[in-house]
Amino acid sequence: MDMSTKKSDSGAATQVRISVANIAADLVFETNSSVAEVKSAVAAALAGGTALNLQDSRGHEIIVAGDKIGFVDVGVATDRRVGFGAL
C-alpha cells in the first residue's frame, strides 16, 4: 500500500520504528503520514502478507516484507532539545 506524504492533522511528523526479523537494528524514520495512515498500512501488509511500503519525510521509500515485520512502533515525533534546557 503506497503512503502519501500528507501532513498529519497536528502538523507534527510521525515517528516510525520497525523491527525486522533476523536483523539486529530497527528501522527508525519520520514520515509526514498520520499515525492512522501508518497503522492502516501496517495492518494491510500484515493481513495480506504483502510488503509494507512507507515514505519518509525526505521522500525516500521504505519497503519491508510483511512476513519479516517483528513489531512496529508509531508515535508523534517530538522536538529534540539540546543543551541544559533538555534536563
N, C-alpha and C. Protein backbone atom coordinates (compact mmCIF):
# COMPACT_ATOMS: atom_id res chain seq x y z
N MET A 1 0.85 -1.17 0.00
CA MET A 1 0.00 0.00 0.00
C MET A 1 0.89 1.23 0.00
N ASP A 2 0.71 2.11 -0.94
CA ASP A 2 1.51 3.32 -1.01
C ASP A 2 0.98 4.35 -0.04
N MET A 3 1.90 5.05 0.60
CA MET A 3 1.52 6.08 1.55
C MET A 3 1.76 7.44 0.92
N SER A 4 0.84 8.34 1.08
CA SER A 4 1.03 9.69 0.58
C SER A 4 1.88 10.46 1.56
N THR A 5 2.29 11.64 1.15
CA THR A 5 3.11 12.47 2.03
C THR A 5 2.30 13.59 2.64
N LYS A 6 1.02 13.33 2.89
CA LYS A 6 0.17 14.33 3.52
C LYS A 6 0.64 14.60 4.94
N LYS A 7 0.52 15.84 5.35
CA LYS A 7 0.84 16.19 6.73
C LYS A 7 -0.24 15.62 7.64
N SER A 8 0.15 15.22 8.84
CA SER A 8 -0.86 14.78 9.79
C SER A 8 -1.65 15.98 10.27
N ASP A 9 -2.78 15.70 10.89
CA ASP A 9 -3.67 16.78 11.31
C ASP A 9 -3.01 17.75 12.26
N SER A 10 -2.12 17.26 13.12
CA SER A 10 -1.50 18.13 14.10
C SER A 10 -0.32 18.90 13.51
N GLY A 11 0.11 18.55 12.30
CA GLY A 11 1.23 19.23 11.68
C GLY A 11 2.58 18.67 12.11
N ALA A 12 2.59 17.73 13.04
CA ALA A 12 3.84 17.14 13.52
C ALA A 12 4.14 15.89 12.71
N ALA A 13 5.42 15.61 12.55
CA ALA A 13 5.83 14.39 11.85
C ALA A 13 5.52 13.18 12.72
N THR A 14 5.32 12.05 12.08
CA THR A 14 5.08 10.80 12.78
C THR A 14 6.37 10.00 12.78
N GLN A 15 6.78 9.54 13.95
CA GLN A 15 7.99 8.73 14.05
C GLN A 15 7.60 7.26 13.99
N VAL A 16 8.34 6.49 13.18
CA VAL A 16 8.05 5.08 12.98
C VAL A 16 9.31 4.28 13.30
N ARG A 17 9.15 3.19 14.06
CA ARG A 17 10.25 2.26 14.34
C ARG A 17 9.77 0.87 13.98
N ILE A 18 10.49 0.20 13.07
CA ILE A 18 10.11 -1.12 12.60
C ILE A 18 11.21 -2.11 12.94
N SER A 19 10.85 -3.19 13.61
CA SER A 19 11.77 -4.28 13.88
C SER A 19 11.59 -5.31 12.77
N VAL A 20 12.72 -5.69 12.15
CA VAL A 20 12.70 -6.66 11.07
C VAL A 20 13.29 -7.97 11.58
N ALA A 21 12.63 -9.10 11.29
CA ALA A 21 13.08 -10.42 11.74
C ALA A 21 14.51 -10.69 11.28
N ASN A 22 15.32 -11.24 12.19
CA ASN A 22 16.70 -11.64 11.93
C ASN A 22 17.64 -10.47 11.62
N ILE A 23 17.23 -9.25 11.94
CA ILE A 23 18.07 -8.06 11.77
C ILE A 23 18.21 -7.41 13.15
N ALA A 24 19.46 -7.13 13.56
CA ALA A 24 19.70 -6.62 14.91
C ALA A 24 19.18 -5.19 15.11
N ALA A 25 19.33 -4.35 14.12
CA ALA A 25 18.95 -2.94 14.27
C ALA A 25 17.53 -2.71 13.75
N ASP A 26 16.85 -1.75 14.37
CA ASP A 26 15.50 -1.36 13.94
C ASP A 26 15.59 -0.26 12.89
N LEU A 27 14.58 -0.17 12.04
CA LEU A 27 14.46 0.95 11.10
C LEU A 27 13.72 2.06 11.84
N VAL A 28 14.33 3.24 11.91
CA VAL A 28 13.70 4.38 12.59
C VAL A 28 13.71 5.56 11.63
N PHE A 29 12.53 6.14 11.41
CA PHE A 29 12.43 7.28 10.50
C PHE A 29 11.19 8.08 10.82
N GLU A 30 11.12 9.29 10.26
CA GLU A 30 9.95 10.14 10.41
C GLU A 30 9.23 10.24 9.07
N THR A 31 7.91 10.28 9.13
CA THR A 31 7.09 10.40 7.93
C THR A 31 6.08 11.52 8.11
N ASN A 32 5.62 12.07 7.00
CA ASN A 32 4.60 13.10 7.06
C ASN A 32 3.20 12.50 7.09
N SER A 33 3.09 11.18 6.96
CA SER A 33 1.80 10.50 7.05
C SER A 33 1.32 10.51 8.50
N SER A 34 0.02 10.47 8.68
CA SER A 34 -0.54 10.47 10.03
C SER A 34 -0.34 9.10 10.69
N VAL A 35 -0.51 9.06 12.00
CA VAL A 35 -0.42 7.81 12.74
C VAL A 35 -1.46 6.82 12.20
N ALA A 36 -2.65 7.28 11.94
CA ALA A 36 -3.72 6.42 11.43
C ALA A 36 -3.36 5.83 10.07
N GLU A 37 -2.74 6.62 9.20
CA GLU A 37 -2.34 6.13 7.88
C GLU A 37 -1.27 5.05 7.99
N VAL A 38 -0.31 5.25 8.89
CA VAL A 38 0.76 4.27 9.08
C VAL A 38 0.16 2.97 9.65
N LYS A 39 -0.70 3.10 10.66
CA LYS A 39 -1.33 1.92 11.26
C LYS A 39 -2.13 1.14 10.21
N SER A 40 -2.84 1.83 9.36
CA SER A 40 -3.63 1.20 8.31
C SER A 40 -2.73 0.45 7.32
N ALA A 41 -1.62 1.05 6.93
CA ALA A 41 -0.68 0.42 6.00
C ALA A 41 -0.06 -0.83 6.62
N VAL A 42 0.29 -0.76 7.90
CA VAL A 42 0.88 -1.91 8.61
C VAL A 42 -0.15 -3.03 8.70
N ALA A 43 -1.37 -2.70 9.08
CA ALA A 43 -2.43 -3.71 9.21
C ALA A 43 -2.69 -4.39 7.86
N ALA A 44 -2.71 -3.63 6.79
CA ALA A 44 -2.95 -4.19 5.46
C ALA A 44 -1.81 -5.12 5.03
N ALA A 45 -0.57 -4.71 5.32
CA ALA A 45 0.59 -5.54 4.97
C ALA A 45 0.59 -6.85 5.75
N LEU A 46 0.27 -6.78 7.04
CA LEU A 46 0.24 -7.99 7.86
C LEU A 46 -0.90 -8.91 7.46
N ALA A 47 -2.07 -8.34 7.20
CA ALA A 47 -3.24 -9.15 6.85
C ALA A 47 -3.11 -9.79 5.47
N GLY A 48 -2.53 -9.04 4.54
CA GLY A 48 -2.44 -9.53 3.17
C GLY A 48 -1.15 -10.26 2.85
N GLY A 49 -0.19 -10.24 3.78
CA GLY A 49 1.10 -10.86 3.52
C GLY A 49 1.89 -10.15 2.44
N THR A 50 1.61 -8.87 2.27
CA THR A 50 2.29 -8.07 1.25
C THR A 50 3.36 -7.19 1.88
N ALA A 51 4.11 -6.51 1.06
CA ALA A 51 5.16 -5.63 1.54
C ALA A 51 4.56 -4.36 2.17
N LEU A 52 5.21 -3.90 3.23
CA LEU A 52 4.86 -2.61 3.84
C LEU A 52 5.65 -1.55 3.11
N ASN A 53 4.97 -0.57 2.56
CA ASN A 53 5.61 0.46 1.75
C ASN A 53 5.28 1.81 2.36
N LEU A 54 6.28 2.47 2.96
CA LEU A 54 6.10 3.79 3.56
C LEU A 54 7.10 4.77 2.96
N GLN A 55 6.82 6.05 3.11
CA GLN A 55 7.72 7.08 2.60
C GLN A 55 8.13 7.97 3.76
N ASP A 56 9.44 8.22 3.89
CA ASP A 56 9.90 9.07 4.99
C ASP A 56 9.70 10.54 4.63
N SER A 57 10.00 11.41 5.58
CA SER A 57 9.74 12.85 5.41
C SER A 57 10.65 13.48 4.36
N ARG A 58 11.70 12.78 3.93
CA ARG A 58 12.59 13.29 2.89
C ARG A 58 12.26 12.73 1.52
N GLY A 59 11.21 11.90 1.45
CA GLY A 59 10.78 11.35 0.17
C GLY A 59 11.37 10.00 -0.17
N HIS A 60 12.17 9.42 0.72
CA HIS A 60 12.73 8.08 0.48
C HIS A 60 11.67 7.03 0.77
N GLU A 61 11.68 5.96 -0.01
CA GLU A 61 10.72 4.89 0.17
C GLU A 61 11.32 3.78 1.03
N ILE A 62 10.57 3.33 2.02
CA ILE A 62 10.98 2.23 2.89
C ILE A 62 10.04 1.07 2.61
N ILE A 63 10.61 -0.08 2.21
CA ILE A 63 9.82 -1.25 1.87
C ILE A 63 10.30 -2.42 2.73
N VAL A 64 9.38 -3.03 3.45
CA VAL A 64 9.69 -4.17 4.32
C VAL A 64 8.72 -5.30 4.00
N ALA A 65 9.25 -6.50 3.81
CA ALA A 65 8.38 -7.66 3.56
C ALA A 65 7.45 -7.85 4.75
N GLY A 66 6.17 -8.01 4.48
CA GLY A 66 5.17 -8.13 5.55
C GLY A 66 5.44 -9.29 6.50
N ASP A 67 5.96 -10.40 5.98
CA ASP A 67 6.21 -11.56 6.84
C ASP A 67 7.51 -11.44 7.64
N LYS A 68 8.25 -10.35 7.45
CA LYS A 68 9.50 -10.14 8.20
C LYS A 68 9.36 -9.07 9.28
N ILE A 69 8.16 -8.50 9.42
CA ILE A 69 7.93 -7.45 10.42
C ILE A 69 7.82 -8.08 11.80
N GLY A 70 8.70 -7.64 12.72
CA GLY A 70 8.63 -8.12 14.10
C GLY A 70 7.64 -7.30 14.89
N PHE A 71 7.82 -5.99 14.89
CA PHE A 71 6.87 -5.07 15.50
C PHE A 71 7.01 -3.71 14.86
N VAL A 72 6.00 -2.87 15.03
CA VAL A 72 6.03 -1.50 14.54
C VAL A 72 5.61 -0.59 15.68
N ASP A 73 6.44 0.40 15.96
CA ASP A 73 6.17 1.40 17.00
C ASP A 73 5.89 2.71 16.28
N VAL A 74 4.71 3.29 16.51
CA VAL A 74 4.30 4.50 15.82
C VAL A 74 3.92 5.56 16.83
N GLY A 75 4.39 6.77 16.65
CA GLY A 75 4.04 7.87 17.54
C GLY A 75 4.38 9.20 16.92
N VAL A 76 3.92 10.26 17.54
CA VAL A 76 4.20 11.60 17.05
C VAL A 76 5.59 12.00 17.51
N ALA A 77 6.42 12.43 16.56
CA ALA A 77 7.79 12.83 16.87
C ALA A 77 7.77 14.12 17.71
N THR A 78 8.69 14.20 18.65
CA THR A 78 8.81 15.40 19.47
C THR A 78 10.07 16.16 19.06
N ASP A 79 10.07 17.44 19.31
CA ASP A 79 11.25 18.24 19.02
C ASP A 79 12.40 17.79 19.91
N ARG A 80 13.58 17.71 19.31
CA ARG A 80 14.76 17.32 20.09
C ARG A 80 15.33 18.56 20.76
N ARG A 81 15.48 18.46 22.06
CA ARG A 81 16.01 19.59 22.82
C ARG A 81 17.50 19.37 23.06
N VAL A 82 18.25 20.42 22.91
CA VAL A 82 19.70 20.34 23.06
C VAL A 82 20.14 21.32 24.14
N GLY A 83 21.12 20.93 24.92
CA GLY A 83 21.67 21.84 25.92
C GLY A 83 21.11 21.59 27.30
N PHE A 84 21.36 22.53 28.22
CA PHE A 84 20.95 22.38 29.59
C PHE A 84 19.43 22.42 29.76
N GLY A 85 18.72 23.01 28.83
CA GLY A 85 17.26 23.07 28.90
C GLY A 85 16.62 21.71 28.71
N ALA A 86 17.38 20.75 28.18
CA ALA A 86 16.84 19.42 27.92
C ALA A 86 16.75 18.58 29.18
N LEU A 87 17.36 19.02 30.27
CA LEU A 87 17.37 18.25 31.50
C LEU A 87 16.06 18.26 32.18
